[in-house]
Amino acid sequence: MKAPANLAEKLATFTDRFSPRTVATYNDNDIMVAKLEGPFHWHKHEDTDDFFLVLSGTLDIELRDRTVTLNPGEVFVVPKGVEHRPVARGEVHILLIEPTGTPNSGDTATAAPRILV
């Protein structure tokens, strides 16, 4: 990195929902921000955990046996192989950390493209 990344400024550069933007990389991981609204689809990641940090708004992460609710400043990690569905109550801003190339949908055919901001 040549300069610090301001997450609020990065989030202001796009309006797409469920389309993460990479703001930095480290040790073959992408640090991303995303805007969410409404439900995503049920999916799982076979090879990696799924890290969520809520920056603003309220995010429910539905698991098959329970729902985890995250408010600003809260983190939750879905273990690899666990089916889940993020559901945003209104507009939610999140920070994600994933190995570079991990499809956000759990499937490379339906994944949002990785975009650097």
Protein backbone atom coordinates (compact mmCIF):
# COMPACT_ATOMS: atom_id res chain seq x y z
CA MET A 1 0.00 0.00 0.00
CA LYS A 2 1.22 3.48 -0.81
CA ALA A 3 -1.27 5.26 1.45
CA PRO A 4 -3.87 4.42 4.09
CA ALA A 5 -7.27 3.31 2.81
CA ASN A 6 -10.21 5.30 4.18
CA LEU A 7 -13.09 2.81 4.31
CA ALA A 8 -15.84 5.45 4.25
CA GLU A 9 -14.29 7.02 1.15
CA LYS A 10 -13.97 3.62 -0.54
CA LEU A 11 -17.61 2.78 0.25
CA ALA A 12 -18.71 6.11 -1.25
CA THR A 13 -17.29 5.14 -4.67
CA PHE A 14 -19.98 2.55 -5.49
CA THR A 15 -23.65 1.67 -5.00
CA ASP A 16 -23.71 -2.03 -5.98
CA ARG A 17 -25.03 -4.46 -3.38
CA PHE A 18 -23.30 -7.76 -2.56
CA SER A 19 -20.36 -6.82 -4.78
CA PRO A 20 -17.24 -6.58 -2.57
CA ARG A 21 -14.46 -4.13 -3.41
CA THR A 22 -10.86 -4.94 -2.48
CA VAL A 23 -9.22 -2.08 -0.57
CA ALA A 24 -5.99 -3.88 0.39
CA THR A 25 -4.27 -7.25 0.30
CA TYR A 26 -2.00 -9.04 2.75
CA ASN A 27 -0.58 -12.58 2.86
CA ASP A 28 -2.69 -13.68 -0.11
CA ASN A 29 -5.87 -12.32 1.50
CA ASP A 30 -8.19 -9.60 0.24
CA ILE A 31 -9.50 -6.98 2.64
CA MET A 32 -12.79 -5.84 1.15
CA VAL A 33 -15.70 -3.54 1.82
CA ALA A 34 -19.22 -4.19 0.59
CA LYS A 35 -22.69 -2.73 0.74
CA LEU A 36 -25.51 -5.13 1.45
CA GLU A 37 -29.26 -4.72 1.39
CA GLY A 38 -31.87 -7.43 1.84
CA PRO A 39 -31.12 -11.15 1.66
CA PHE A 40 -28.26 -12.86 -0.15
CA HIS A 41 -28.69 -16.51 -1.14
CA TRP A 42 -27.83 -19.57 0.93
CA HIS A 43 -24.27 -20.70 0.29
CA LYS A 44 -21.12 -22.10 1.89
CA HIS A 45 -17.39 -21.90 1.37
CA GLU A 46 -15.80 -25.34 1.35
CA ASP A 47 -12.19 -24.17 1.75
CA THR A 48 -12.28 -21.09 3.96
CA ASP A 49 -14.04 -19.45 6.89
CA ASP A 50 -16.20 -16.39 6.14
CA PHE A 51 -15.24 -13.27 8.17
CA PHE A 52 -17.78 -10.45 8.67
CA LEU A 53 -17.20 -7.11 10.45
CA VAL A 54 -20.17 -4.75 10.41
CA LEU A 55 -19.18 -1.11 9.89
CA SER A 56 -22.73 0.31 9.82
CA GLY A 57 -26.25 -1.06 9.96
CA THR A 58 -27.53 -4.39 11.25
CA LEU A 59 -26.74 -7.71 9.60
CA ASP A 60 -28.40 -11.04 10.33
CA ILE A 61 -26.40 -14.10 9.39
CA GLU A 62 -28.83 -16.96 9.08
CA LEU A 63 -27.45 -20.39 9.79
CA ARG A 64 -29.56 -23.52 9.43
CA ASP A 65 -29.96 -23.81 13.22
CA ARG A 66 -29.95 -20.17 14.36
CA THR A 67 -29.58 -16.52 13.37
CA VAL A 68 -26.64 -14.37 14.49
CA THR A 69 -27.30 -10.62 14.58
CA LEU A 70 -24.37 -8.22 14.13
CA ASN A 71 -24.40 -4.51 14.91
CA PRO A 72 -21.70 -1.93 14.09
CA GLY A 73 -18.30 -2.96 15.43
CA GLU A 74 -19.23 -6.63 15.80
CA VAL A 75 -17.44 -9.54 14.13
CA PHE A 76 -18.62 -13.04 13.30
CA VAL A 77 -16.82 -15.87 11.52
CA VAL A 78 -18.81 -18.57 9.73
CA PRO A 79 -16.70 -21.75 9.75
CA LYS A 80 -15.78 -23.28 6.40
CA GLY A 81 -18.37 -25.68 5.05
CA VAL A 82 -21.24 -24.14 7.07
CA GLU A 83 -24.23 -23.05 5.01
CA HIS A 84 -25.29 -19.47 5.73
CA ARG A 85 -27.24 -16.52 4.34
CA PRO A 86 -26.49 -12.86 5.13
CA VAL A 87 -29.62 -10.73 5.43
CA ALA A 88 -29.14 -6.96 5.69
CA ARG A 89 -31.74 -4.91 7.54
CA GLY A 90 -31.66 -1.84 5.33
CA GLU A 91 -28.30 -0.75 3.95
CA VAL A 92 -25.36 -2.38 5.73
CA HIS A 93 -21.65 -1.71 5.23
CA ILE A 94 -19.23 -4.53 6.03
CA LEU A 95 -15.56 -5.38 5.96
CA LEU A 96 -14.60 -8.86 4.75
CA ILE A 97 -11.28 -10.69 4.82
CA GLU A 98 -10.93 -13.71 2.51
CA PRO A 99 -8.20 -15.56 0.65
CA THR A 100 -7.73 -13.90 -2.73
CA GLY A 101 -9.99 -15.50 -5.32
CA THR A 102 -12.65 -16.79 -2.90
CA PRO A 103 -16.03 -16.52 -4.67
CA ASN A 104 -18.47 -14.45 -2.58
CA SER A 105 -21.33 -16.76 -3.58
CA GLY A 106 -19.43 -19.96 -2.80
CA ASP A 107 -19.47 -20.77 -6.54
CA THR A 108 -17.10 -19.28 -9.12
CA ALA A 109 -19.83 -19.36 -11.79
CA THR A 110 -22.12 -17.00 -9.82
CA ALA A 111 -19.57 -14.94 -7.88
CA ALA A 112 -19.32 -11.18 -8.15
CA PRO A 113 -16.10 -10.11 -9.91
CA ARG A 114 -13.30 -8.83 -7.67
CA ILE A 115 -12.86 -5.09 -8.08
CA LEU A 116 -10.04 -2.99 -6.64
CA VAL A 117 -10.93 0.46 -5.28
